[in-house]
Amino acid sequence: MTEPARPLTLIPIAGIPEVVPGAELAELIADAAMAQGTPLAGGDCLVVTQKVVSKAENRLVALDPDDREARTRLVESESVRVLRRRGDLIISETRHGFVCANAGVDLSNVARGTAALLPVDSDRSARHVRDALRARRGVDVAVVVSDTFGRPWRTGLTDVAIGVCGIAAVLDLRGETDALGRELQVTEVAIADEIASAAELVMGKADGVPAAIVRGLDPDWFRDGSARDLVRPASEDLFR
């Protein structure tokens, strides 16, 4: 007998104060969730945007937004490989292995004259939030750090996972069977990306909501995971 579909609940966490360098994100998020009547619970997955993680970790640099040459130099310094250039847009590969616009250098939702860089190690950032919540609040949750990426050959932006802790990043279904009994040959589901994208639906881009709870995920997905699992190895990249 087929199990019924598992319902998911997406809960935006509003009321998180402006994050400054050195802030303990776990405390700010847990306090805001409690204040709105939706405290974090075991088995939740907490999704946190890269921007507030970068602010807390002081991944901020001074940058004149009108200085195009300085911006280009900064993007290049955050890149290990530049793939394409078009006007002010640079598509490059970061040290993390992510291929994205402008190496993740972002001028939105930070003070004018400042740019936010990607965390040095987003998996470590996710692990810090998870460990702090467990130590300070006694709650065991998975954590995904999300960021907004474009997609080749598709219009529009979506959130993806750039840091993962406590949940599988990729669910490998190869060897299992589909609804008609056929063996799956290539199916690997980017669970962490799907979680990040789902959470973004309730956070928005301009609403000042940098975190959300995803509740009701399959307990079997809660295991060691890393955003590195989402990066396709160079040997499997047909477009290099």
Protein backbone atom coordinates (compact mmCIF):
# COMPACT_ATOMS: atom_id res chain seq x y z
CA MET A 1 0.00 0.00 0.00
CA THR A 2 1.40 3.39 -0.99
CA GLU A 3 2.04 5.76 1.88
CA PRO A 4 0.10 9.05 1.69
CA ALA A 5 2.00 12.15 0.63
CA ARG A 6 3.70 13.91 3.50
CA PRO A 7 2.39 17.47 3.98
CA LEU A 8 4.95 20.26 4.35
CA THR A 9 4.62 23.47 6.33
CA LEU A 10 6.62 26.59 5.40
CA ILE A 11 6.93 29.16 8.20
CA PRO A 12 8.62 32.53 7.61
CA ILE A 13 10.48 33.87 10.65
CA ALA A 14 9.76 37.59 10.87
CA GLY A 15 11.10 40.09 13.35
CA ILE A 16 14.78 39.14 13.14
CA PRO A 17 16.72 42.34 13.92
CA GLU A 18 19.39 43.77 11.65
CA VAL A 19 22.33 41.39 11.74
CA VAL A 20 25.74 42.89 12.49
CA PRO A 21 29.20 41.30 12.43
CA GLY A 22 29.67 38.98 15.38
CA ALA A 23 25.95 38.45 15.98
CA GLU A 24 24.86 34.97 17.05
CA LEU A 25 22.37 34.07 14.35
CA ALA A 26 21.05 31.06 16.24
CA GLU A 27 19.92 33.26 19.14
CA LEU A 28 18.36 35.93 16.92
CA ILE A 29 16.45 33.36 14.88
CA ALA A 30 15.30 31.29 17.85
CA ASP A 31 14.09 34.41 19.70
CA ALA A 32 12.17 35.66 16.66
CA ALA A 33 10.57 32.26 16.05
CA MET A 34 9.51 32.03 19.69
CA ALA A 35 8.14 35.59 19.68
CA GLN A 36 5.84 34.89 16.73
CA GLY A 37 4.55 31.70 18.30
CA THR A 38 6.33 29.18 16.06
CA PRO A 39 9.34 27.96 18.05
CA LEU A 40 11.82 25.69 16.36
CA ALA A 41 11.22 21.99 16.98
CA GLY A 42 13.16 18.81 16.49
CA GLY A 43 12.89 17.52 12.94
CA ASP A 44 12.59 21.01 11.44
CA CYS A 45 14.89 22.26 8.72
CA LEU A 46 15.90 25.88 9.21
CA VAL A 47 16.71 27.78 6.02
CA VAL A 48 18.85 30.92 6.46
CA THR A 49 19.80 33.30 3.67
CA GLN A 50 23.41 33.77 2.76
CA LYS A 51 23.17 37.52 3.27
CA VAL A 52 22.60 37.38 7.03
CA VAL A 53 25.21 34.63 7.40
CA SER A 54 27.74 36.82 5.58
CA LYS A 55 26.84 39.79 7.77
CA ALA A 56 27.24 37.78 10.97
CA GLU A 57 30.59 36.43 9.77
CA ASN A 58 31.72 39.91 8.67
CA ARG A 59 32.10 38.91 5.04
CA LEU A 60 31.63 42.56 4.13
CA VAL A 61 33.98 44.78 2.17
CA ALA A 62 33.94 48.44 1.20
CA LEU A 63 32.99 48.99 -2.44
CA ASP A 64 31.93 52.08 -4.32
CA PRO A 65 28.91 50.89 -6.34
CA ASP A 66 29.78 53.39 -9.08
CA ASP A 67 33.35 52.09 -9.47
CA ARG A 68 32.93 49.42 -12.13
CA GLU A 69 36.63 48.56 -12.25
CA ALA A 70 36.80 48.00 -8.49
CA ARG A 71 33.73 45.77 -8.66
CA THR A 72 35.26 43.73 -11.46
CA ARG A 73 38.51 43.32 -9.49
CA LEU A 74 36.56 42.16 -6.44
CA VAL A 75 34.60 39.60 -8.46
CA GLU A 76 37.79 38.31 -10.04
CA SER A 77 39.45 38.01 -6.63
CA GLU A 78 36.55 35.85 -5.45
CA SER A 79 36.74 33.62 -8.55
CA VAL A 80 38.95 30.71 -9.53
CA ARG A 81 37.70 30.68 -13.13
CA VAL A 82 35.86 33.19 -15.30
CA LEU A 83 33.53 31.54 -17.80
CA ARG A 84 31.78 34.43 -19.54
CA ARG A 85 31.59 38.22 -19.51
CA ARG A 86 28.83 40.43 -20.83
CA GLY A 87 28.89 44.08 -19.83
CA ASP A 88 29.05 44.25 -16.04
CA LEU A 89 28.01 40.62 -15.71
CA ILE A 90 30.65 37.98 -15.01
CA ILE A 91 29.82 34.29 -14.79
CA SER A 92 32.54 32.63 -12.76
CA GLU A 93 33.39 29.68 -10.56
CA THR A 94 34.00 30.37 -6.88
CA ARG A 95 36.41 28.59 -4.56
CA HIS A 96 33.44 26.55 -3.34
CA GLY A 97 32.88 25.18 -6.86
CA PHE A 98 29.73 27.22 -7.46
CA VAL A 99 29.23 28.64 -10.94
CA CYS A 100 27.23 31.84 -10.54
CA ALA A 101 26.92 35.51 -11.41
CA ASN A 102 29.67 37.80 -10.15
CA ALA A 103 31.12 35.13 -7.80
CA GLY A 104 28.26 35.78 -5.41
CA VAL A 105 29.38 39.37 -4.73
CA ASP A 106 26.17 41.17 -3.77
CA LEU A 107 25.31 44.82 -3.18
CA SER A 108 21.63 44.30 -2.27
CA ASN A 109 20.35 44.54 1.31
CA VAL A 110 23.64 45.95 2.59
CA ALA A 111 24.62 49.54 3.33
CA ARG A 112 25.58 51.63 0.32
CA GLY A 113 29.32 51.47 -0.19
CA THR A 114 29.42 47.88 1.05
CA ALA A 115 29.40 44.52 -0.73
CA ALA A 116 28.67 41.14 0.80
CA LEU A 117 30.80 38.14 -0.11
CA LEU A 118 29.86 34.48 0.15
CA PRO A 119 30.80 32.78 3.42
CA VAL A 120 34.23 31.17 3.35
CA ASP A 121 32.71 27.76 4.12
CA SER A 122 28.90 27.69 4.01
CA ASP A 123 28.70 24.11 5.29
CA ARG A 124 30.65 25.23 8.34
CA SER A 125 28.29 28.21 8.70
CA ALA A 126 25.28 25.87 8.65
CA ARG A 127 26.95 23.59 11.18
CA HIS A 128 27.64 26.53 13.50
CA VAL A 129 23.98 27.56 13.53
CA ARG A 130 22.88 23.97 14.10
CA ASP A 131 25.36 23.38 16.91
CA ALA A 132 24.47 26.69 18.59
CA LEU A 133 20.74 25.90 18.51
CA ARG A 134 21.38 22.49 20.01
CA ALA A 135 23.69 23.84 22.72
CA ARG A 136 21.74 26.99 23.61
CA ARG A 137 18.14 25.93 23.01
CA GLY A 138 18.27 22.14 23.19
CA VAL A 139 16.64 21.75 19.77
CA ASP A 140 18.01 19.55 16.99
CA VAL A 141 17.28 20.90 13.52
CA ALA A 142 18.88 20.64 10.11
CA VAL A 143 20.20 23.87 8.59
CA VAL A 144 20.41 25.01 4.98
CA VAL A 145 22.14 28.23 3.94
CA SER A 146 20.44 29.52 0.78
CA ASP A 147 21.40 31.94 -1.96
CA THR A 148 19.77 33.15 -5.17
CA PHE A 149 21.14 31.77 -8.42
CA GLY A 150 20.17 32.04 -12.05
CA ARG A 151 19.98 28.91 -14.22
CA PRO A 152 21.47 28.30 -17.66
CA TRP A 153 18.79 28.05 -20.36
CA ARG A 154 15.99 29.10 -18.00
CA THR A 155 14.71 32.59 -17.23
CA GLY A 156 14.39 33.78 -13.68
CA LEU A 157 16.06 33.23 -10.33
CA THR A 158 15.57 30.62 -7.64
CA ASP A 159 17.14 29.91 -4.26
CA VAL A 160 19.57 27.02 -3.94
CA ALA A 161 21.53 25.52 -1.05
CA ILE A 162 25.12 26.70 -0.66
CA GLY A 163 25.53 25.31 2.87
CA VAL A 164 24.04 22.15 4.37
CA CYS A 165 24.20 20.47 7.77
CA GLY A 166 22.08 17.71 9.24
CA ILE A 167 20.18 16.76 6.10
CA ALA A 168 21.01 15.06 2.81
CA ALA A 169 21.95 17.46 0.05
CA VAL A 170 21.24 14.88 -2.66
CA LEU A 171 18.85 11.94 -2.47
CA ASP A 172 20.18 9.11 -4.63
CA LEU A 173 17.27 7.05 -5.98
CA ARG A 174 19.30 5.03 -8.47
CA GLY A 175 18.47 1.35 -8.17
CA GLU A 176 14.99 1.99 -6.78
CA THR A 177 11.87 1.48 -8.89
CA ASP A 178 9.33 3.95 -10.21
CA ALA A 179 5.54 3.65 -9.92
CA LEU A 180 5.51 1.16 -12.80
CA GLY A 181 8.28 -1.01 -11.42
CA ARG A 182 11.05 0.25 -13.71
CA GLU A 183 14.48 0.61 -12.14
CA LEU A 184 15.67 4.21 -11.84
CA GLN A 185 19.01 4.63 -13.58
CA VAL A 186 20.02 8.27 -13.14
CA THR A 187 17.64 9.90 -10.67
CA GLU A 188 19.38 11.96 -8.01
CA VAL A 189 17.14 14.54 -6.32
CA ALA A 190 18.68 17.82 -5.15
CA ILE A 191 16.77 17.78 -1.85
CA ALA A 192 18.64 20.70 -0.28
CA ASP A 193 18.05 22.91 -3.33
CA GLU A 194 14.34 22.04 -3.28
CA ILE A 195 14.14 22.92 0.41
CA ALA A 196 15.89 26.25 -0.18
CA SER A 197 13.60 27.10 -3.07
CA ALA A 198 10.47 26.17 -1.12
CA ALA A 199 11.53 28.34 1.81
CA GLU A 200 12.15 31.30 -0.50
CA LEU A 201 8.46 31.32 -1.39
CA VAL A 202 7.65 32.59 2.10
CA MET A 203 10.75 34.75 2.57
CA GLY A 204 10.65 36.81 -0.61
CA LYS A 205 13.39 39.05 -1.97
CA ALA A 206 12.39 42.38 -0.45
CA ASP A 207 10.36 41.49 2.64
CA GLY A 208 13.18 41.48 5.19
CA VAL A 209 12.56 37.86 6.18
CA PRO A 210 15.95 36.09 6.14
CA ALA A 211 14.95 32.72 7.62
CA ALA A 212 12.18 30.16 7.42
CA ILE A 213 11.24 26.83 8.94
CA VAL A 214 10.48 23.88 6.67
CA ARG A 215 8.49 21.38 8.74
CA GLY A 216 7.32 17.89 7.84
CA LEU A 217 10.28 16.60 5.84
CA ASP A 218 10.90 12.87 5.63
CA PRO A 219 12.87 11.80 8.74
CA ASP A 220 15.01 9.52 6.56
CA TRP A 221 16.52 12.59 4.90
CA PHE A 222 18.08 13.81 8.16
CA ARG A 223 21.69 12.68 7.93
CA ASP A 224 25.12 14.08 7.18
CA GLY A 225 25.08 16.24 4.08
CA SER A 226 27.22 18.85 2.37
CA ALA A 227 26.63 21.46 -0.31
CA ARG A 228 29.72 20.03 -1.99
CA ASP A 229 27.54 17.05 -2.94
CA LEU A 230 25.57 19.40 -5.20
CA VAL A 231 28.60 20.47 -7.24
CA ARG A 232 28.96 18.36 -10.38
CA PRO A 233 32.51 16.98 -10.72
CA ALA A 234 34.50 18.40 -13.62
CA SER A 235 34.77 14.91 -15.12
CA GLU A 236 30.96 14.81 -15.46
CA ASP A 237 30.52 18.35 -16.76
CA LEU A 238 29.60 18.16 -20.45
CA PHE A 239 30.00 21.92 -20.94
CA ARG A 240 33.61 22.45 -19.87
